[in-house]
Amino acid sequence: MDGLVSFVDASATRGHILTNVGQEPAMDTVNLYDAKTNLSALVERAAAGEEIIIAKAGRPLARLVPLAKRTTPRPLGRYAGLITVGPDFDDPMPEEFLKAFGE
């Protein structure tokens, strides 16, 4: 070859967002009535990692997906020394505050 042709491994590159349409893993589609009737089971499936499309009259309305899992532990004591609790924190509220809340 004279160098005018180059080959690209398509599996190693990410396609453009518009060219990837329809290439994601298959998702189960459930109609709205069945979703209302079987919500607990659908939530369990989503929690296990499945993505479920909820449709009404064949038109997709929503996607039920698992919550993202935290990849790093939450740091403890992030606001240590920045927040103080006053000594009167547990005291009863002043009378004018109680009146403002209708008590």
N, C-alpha and C. Protein backbone atom coordinates (compact mmCIF):
# COMPACT_ATOMS: atom_id res chain seq x y z
N MET A 1 0.84 -1.18 0.00
CA MET A 1 0.00 0.00 0.00
C MET A 1 0.88 1.24 0.00
N ASP A 2 0.34 2.29 -0.51
CA ASP A 2 1.14 3.50 -0.67
C ASP A 2 0.95 4.50 0.46
N GLY A 3 0.33 4.10 1.57
CA GLY A 3 0.17 5.00 2.70
C GLY A 3 -1.07 5.85 2.66
N LEU A 4 -1.90 5.71 1.65
CA LEU A 4 -3.11 6.51 1.57
C LEU A 4 -4.27 5.89 2.34
N VAL A 5 -4.15 4.65 2.69
CA VAL A 5 -5.21 3.95 3.39
C VAL A 5 -4.73 3.63 4.79
N SER A 6 -5.55 3.93 5.78
CA SER A 6 -5.21 3.54 7.14
C SER A 6 -6.39 2.79 7.73
N PHE A 7 -6.09 1.88 8.60
CA PHE A 7 -7.13 1.07 9.22
C PHE A 7 -7.27 1.46 10.67
N VAL A 8 -8.51 1.55 11.13
CA VAL A 8 -8.80 1.91 12.50
C VAL A 8 -9.61 0.79 13.12
N ASP A 9 -9.20 0.36 14.30
CA ASP A 9 -9.97 -0.65 15.03
C ASP A 9 -11.18 0.05 15.63
N ALA A 10 -12.35 -0.16 15.05
CA ALA A 10 -13.57 0.53 15.49
C ALA A 10 -13.96 0.17 16.90
N SER A 11 -13.58 -1.02 17.36
CA SER A 11 -13.94 -1.41 18.73
C SER A 11 -13.12 -0.65 19.77
N ALA A 12 -12.00 -0.07 19.35
CA ALA A 12 -11.15 0.65 20.29
C ALA A 12 -11.52 2.12 20.40
N THR A 13 -12.41 2.61 19.54
CA THR A 13 -12.79 4.02 19.58
C THR A 13 -14.24 4.15 19.97
N ARG A 14 -14.56 5.22 20.63
CA ARG A 14 -15.96 5.50 20.97
C ARG A 14 -16.59 6.24 19.81
N GLY A 15 -17.78 5.79 19.44
CA GLY A 15 -18.47 6.46 18.36
C GLY A 15 -19.06 7.78 18.83
N HIS A 16 -19.43 8.58 17.89
CA HIS A 16 -20.12 9.83 18.20
C HIS A 16 -21.44 9.49 18.85
N ILE A 17 -21.94 10.34 19.70
CA ILE A 17 -23.18 10.06 20.43
C ILE A 17 -24.34 9.76 19.48
N LEU A 18 -24.37 10.41 18.31
CA LEU A 18 -25.46 10.17 17.39
C LEU A 18 -25.28 8.89 16.59
N THR A 19 -24.05 8.42 16.45
CA THR A 19 -23.84 7.18 15.71
C THR A 19 -23.95 5.96 16.61
N ASN A 20 -24.03 6.16 17.93
CA ASN A 20 -24.17 5.04 18.86
C ASN A 20 -25.62 4.69 19.13
N VAL A 21 -26.56 5.40 18.55
CA VAL A 21 -27.96 5.16 18.82
C VAL A 21 -28.30 3.73 18.46
N GLY A 22 -28.94 3.03 19.40
CA GLY A 22 -29.35 1.66 19.17
C GLY A 22 -28.26 0.64 19.43
N GLN A 23 -27.07 1.06 19.87
CA GLN A 23 -25.98 0.13 20.11
C GLN A 23 -25.79 -0.18 21.58
N GLU A 24 -26.60 0.44 22.45
CA GLU A 24 -26.48 0.15 23.87
C GLU A 24 -27.14 -1.19 24.16
N PRO A 25 -26.85 -1.79 25.34
CA PRO A 25 -27.46 -3.08 25.67
C PRO A 25 -28.98 -2.98 25.64
N ALA A 26 -29.61 -4.07 25.25
CA ALA A 26 -31.07 -4.10 25.16
C ALA A 26 -31.69 -3.86 26.53
N MET A 27 -32.74 -3.06 26.56
CA MET A 27 -33.45 -2.77 27.80
C MET A 27 -34.87 -3.30 27.67
N ASP A 28 -35.40 -3.79 28.77
CA ASP A 28 -36.77 -4.28 28.78
C ASP A 28 -37.72 -3.09 28.79
N THR A 29 -38.78 -3.14 27.99
CA THR A 29 -39.79 -2.09 27.97
C THR A 29 -41.06 -2.63 28.60
N VAL A 30 -41.59 -1.88 29.55
CA VAL A 30 -42.79 -2.28 30.28
C VAL A 30 -43.81 -1.17 30.14
N ASN A 31 -45.09 -1.55 29.90
CA ASN A 31 -46.10 -0.49 29.79
C ASN A 31 -46.43 0.04 31.17
N LEU A 32 -46.97 1.23 31.22
CA LEU A 32 -47.19 1.95 32.46
C LEU A 32 -48.09 1.18 33.42
N TYR A 33 -49.13 0.55 32.91
CA TYR A 33 -50.05 -0.21 33.77
C TYR A 33 -49.31 -1.35 34.46
N ASP A 34 -48.51 -2.10 33.68
CA ASP A 34 -47.74 -3.20 34.27
C ASP A 34 -46.69 -2.69 35.24
N ALA A 35 -46.12 -1.53 34.95
CA ALA A 35 -45.12 -0.95 35.85
C ALA A 35 -45.76 -0.59 37.19
N LYS A 36 -46.98 -0.04 37.16
CA LYS A 36 -47.67 0.29 38.41
C LYS A 36 -47.99 -0.98 39.18
N THR A 37 -48.41 -2.03 38.47
CA THR A 37 -48.81 -3.26 39.14
C THR A 37 -47.62 -4.02 39.69
N ASN A 38 -46.48 -3.93 39.03
CA ASN A 38 -45.30 -4.72 39.42
C ASN A 38 -44.13 -3.85 39.84
N LEU A 39 -44.41 -2.72 40.45
CA LEU A 39 -43.34 -1.77 40.78
C LEU A 39 -42.25 -2.39 41.65
N SER A 40 -42.64 -3.15 42.67
CA SER A 40 -41.63 -3.74 43.57
C SER A 40 -40.66 -4.63 42.81
N ALA A 41 -41.18 -5.47 41.93
CA ALA A 41 -40.32 -6.37 41.17
C ALA A 41 -39.43 -5.59 40.22
N LEU A 42 -39.96 -4.54 39.60
CA LEU A 42 -39.17 -3.73 38.69
C LEU A 42 -38.05 -3.00 39.42
N VAL A 43 -38.34 -2.51 40.61
CA VAL A 43 -37.31 -1.83 41.40
C VAL A 43 -36.21 -2.82 41.79
N GLU A 44 -36.58 -4.04 42.15
CA GLU A 44 -35.58 -5.05 42.47
C GLU A 44 -34.70 -5.35 41.27
N ARG A 45 -35.30 -5.45 40.09
CA ARG A 45 -34.53 -5.69 38.87
C ARG A 45 -33.58 -4.54 38.59
N ALA A 46 -34.06 -3.32 38.78
CA ALA A 46 -33.20 -2.16 38.56
C ALA A 46 -32.07 -2.13 39.58
N ALA A 47 -32.37 -2.46 40.82
CA ALA A 47 -31.33 -2.47 41.85
C ALA A 47 -30.26 -3.51 41.54
N ALA A 48 -30.64 -4.56 40.81
CA ALA A 48 -29.69 -5.60 40.42
C ALA A 48 -28.86 -5.19 39.20
N GLY A 49 -29.14 -4.01 38.63
CA GLY A 49 -28.33 -3.50 37.54
C GLY A 49 -29.03 -3.39 36.20
N GLU A 50 -30.28 -3.82 36.13
CA GLU A 50 -31.02 -3.77 34.87
C GLU A 50 -31.60 -2.38 34.62
N GLU A 51 -31.70 -1.97 33.37
CA GLU A 51 -32.36 -0.73 33.02
C GLU A 51 -33.68 -1.07 32.35
N ILE A 52 -34.75 -0.43 32.79
CA ILE A 52 -36.10 -0.73 32.31
C ILE A 52 -36.74 0.54 31.79
N ILE A 53 -37.30 0.47 30.59
CA ILE A 53 -38.02 1.60 29.99
C ILE A 53 -39.49 1.44 30.32
N ILE A 54 -40.12 2.53 30.79
CA ILE A 54 -41.55 2.53 31.07
C ILE A 54 -42.22 3.34 29.96
N ALA A 55 -43.20 2.71 29.30
CA ALA A 55 -43.85 3.33 28.14
C ALA A 55 -45.36 3.39 28.35
N LYS A 56 -45.98 4.34 27.67
CA LYS A 56 -47.44 4.46 27.67
C LYS A 56 -47.87 4.50 26.22
N ALA A 57 -48.73 3.58 25.85
CA ALA A 57 -49.20 3.44 24.46
C ALA A 57 -48.03 3.28 23.50
N GLY A 58 -46.99 2.55 23.93
CA GLY A 58 -45.84 2.29 23.09
C GLY A 58 -44.83 3.41 23.03
N ARG A 59 -45.12 4.55 23.66
CA ARG A 59 -44.20 5.70 23.65
C ARG A 59 -43.38 5.72 24.93
N PRO A 60 -42.06 5.60 24.87
CA PRO A 60 -41.23 5.61 26.08
C PRO A 60 -41.41 6.91 26.87
N LEU A 61 -41.61 6.77 28.17
CA LEU A 61 -41.80 7.94 29.04
C LEU A 61 -40.68 8.11 30.05
N ALA A 62 -40.18 6.99 30.58
CA ALA A 62 -39.19 7.08 31.66
C ALA A 62 -38.28 5.86 31.62
N ARG A 63 -37.14 6.00 32.29
CA ARG A 63 -36.19 4.89 32.40
C ARG A 63 -35.93 4.63 33.88
N LEU A 64 -36.09 3.39 34.29
CA LEU A 64 -35.81 2.98 35.67
C LEU A 64 -34.41 2.39 35.67
N VAL A 65 -33.49 3.04 36.40
CA VAL A 65 -32.08 2.63 36.39
C VAL A 65 -31.59 2.43 37.82
N PRO A 66 -30.54 1.64 37.99
CA PRO A 66 -29.98 1.49 39.34
C PRO A 66 -29.29 2.78 39.78
N LEU A 67 -29.26 3.02 41.06
CA LEU A 67 -28.53 4.17 41.59
C LEU A 67 -27.04 3.95 41.40
N ALA A 68 -26.33 5.02 41.15
CA ALA A 68 -24.88 4.92 41.02
C ALA A 68 -24.29 4.58 42.37
N LYS A 69 -23.30 3.70 42.35
CA LYS A 69 -22.66 3.32 43.60
C LYS A 69 -21.46 4.22 43.85
N ARG A 70 -21.25 4.57 45.11
CA ARG A 70 -20.11 5.41 45.48
C ARG A 70 -18.83 4.61 45.24
N THR A 71 -17.89 5.21 44.53
CA THR A 71 -16.64 4.51 44.22
C THR A 71 -15.58 4.73 45.28
N THR A 72 -15.69 5.80 46.04
CA THR A 72 -14.73 6.05 47.12
C THR A 72 -15.51 6.30 48.40
N PRO A 73 -14.96 5.93 49.53
CA PRO A 73 -15.66 6.19 50.78
C PRO A 73 -15.83 7.69 51.03
N ARG A 74 -16.94 8.04 51.65
CA ARG A 74 -17.19 9.44 51.97
C ARG A 74 -16.24 9.88 53.08
N PRO A 75 -15.53 10.99 52.88
CA PRO A 75 -14.59 11.43 53.92
C PRO A 75 -15.36 11.93 55.16
N LEU A 76 -14.93 11.47 56.30
CA LEU A 76 -15.55 11.89 57.55
C LEU A 76 -14.86 13.14 58.07
N GLY A 77 -15.60 13.98 58.74
CA GLY A 77 -15.02 15.17 59.35
C GLY A 77 -14.69 16.26 58.36
N ARG A 78 -15.40 16.29 57.25
CA ARG A 78 -15.11 17.28 56.21
C ARG A 78 -15.26 18.71 56.75
N TYR A 79 -16.21 18.96 57.64
CA TYR A 79 -16.43 20.31 58.17
C TYR A 79 -15.94 20.45 59.61
N ALA A 80 -15.04 19.59 60.03
CA ALA A 80 -14.51 19.65 61.39
C ALA A 80 -13.88 21.02 61.64
N GLY A 81 -14.28 21.66 62.72
CA GLY A 81 -13.74 22.95 63.09
C GLY A 81 -14.38 24.13 62.39
N LEU A 82 -15.26 23.87 61.41
CA LEU A 82 -15.90 24.95 60.67
C LEU A 82 -17.30 25.25 61.20
N ILE A 83 -17.90 24.29 61.87
CA ILE A 83 -19.26 24.45 62.37
C ILE A 83 -19.25 24.26 63.88
N THR A 84 -19.94 25.16 64.56
CA THR A 84 -20.05 25.03 66.01
C THR A 84 -21.52 25.01 66.40
N VAL A 85 -21.81 24.30 67.46
CA VAL A 85 -23.16 24.23 67.99
C VAL A 85 -23.16 25.01 69.30
N GLY A 86 -24.04 25.99 69.36
CA GLY A 86 -24.09 26.84 70.54
C GLY A 86 -24.54 26.08 71.79
N PRO A 87 -24.20 26.60 72.96
CA PRO A 87 -24.57 25.92 74.20
C PRO A 87 -26.09 25.92 74.44
N ASP A 88 -26.83 26.80 73.75
CA ASP A 88 -28.28 26.87 73.95
C ASP A 88 -29.03 26.06 72.87
N PHE A 89 -28.35 25.17 72.18
CA PHE A 89 -28.95 24.41 71.09
C PHE A 89 -30.21 23.65 71.53
N ASP A 90 -30.17 23.04 72.69
CA ASP A 90 -31.29 22.22 73.18
C ASP A 90 -32.31 23.02 73.99
N ASP A 91 -32.09 24.29 74.18
CA ASP A 91 -33.02 25.09 74.98
C ASP A 91 -34.37 25.23 74.25
N PRO A 92 -35.45 25.44 75.01
CA PRO A 92 -36.74 25.66 74.37
C PRO A 92 -36.68 26.91 73.48
N MET A 93 -37.52 26.92 72.44
CA MET A 93 -37.55 28.06 71.52
C MET A 93 -38.14 29.28 72.23
N PRO A 94 -37.67 30.48 71.89
CA PRO A 94 -38.23 31.69 72.49
C PRO A 94 -39.73 31.81 72.13
N GLU A 95 -40.46 32.49 72.98
CA GLU A 95 -41.91 32.64 72.83
C GLU A 95 -42.30 33.25 71.47
N GLU A 96 -41.54 34.24 70.96
CA GLU A 96 -41.90 34.87 69.69
C GLU A 96 -41.72 33.90 68.52
N PHE A 97 -40.79 32.97 68.61
CA PHE A 97 -40.65 31.94 67.56
C PHE A 97 -41.85 30.99 67.58
N LEU A 98 -42.25 30.57 68.76
CA LEU A 98 -43.40 29.67 68.89
C LEU A 98 -44.66 30.32 68.33
N LYS A 99 -44.84 31.61 68.60
CA LYS A 99 -46.02 32.32 68.07
C LYS A 99 -45.97 32.40 66.55
N ALA A 100 -44.77 32.58 65.98
CA ALA A 100 -44.63 32.67 64.53
C ALA A 100 -45.01 31.35 63.85
N PHE A 101 -44.82 30.24 64.56
CA PHE A 101 -45.18 28.93 64.00
C PHE A 101 -46.57 28.49 64.43
N GLY A 102 -47.32 29.35 65.08
CA GLY A 102 -48.69 29.06 65.45
C GLY A 102 -48.84 28.12 66.64
N GLU A 103 -47.84 28.05 67.48
CA GLU A 103 -47.95 27.18 68.65
C GLU A 103 -48.19 27.98 69.89
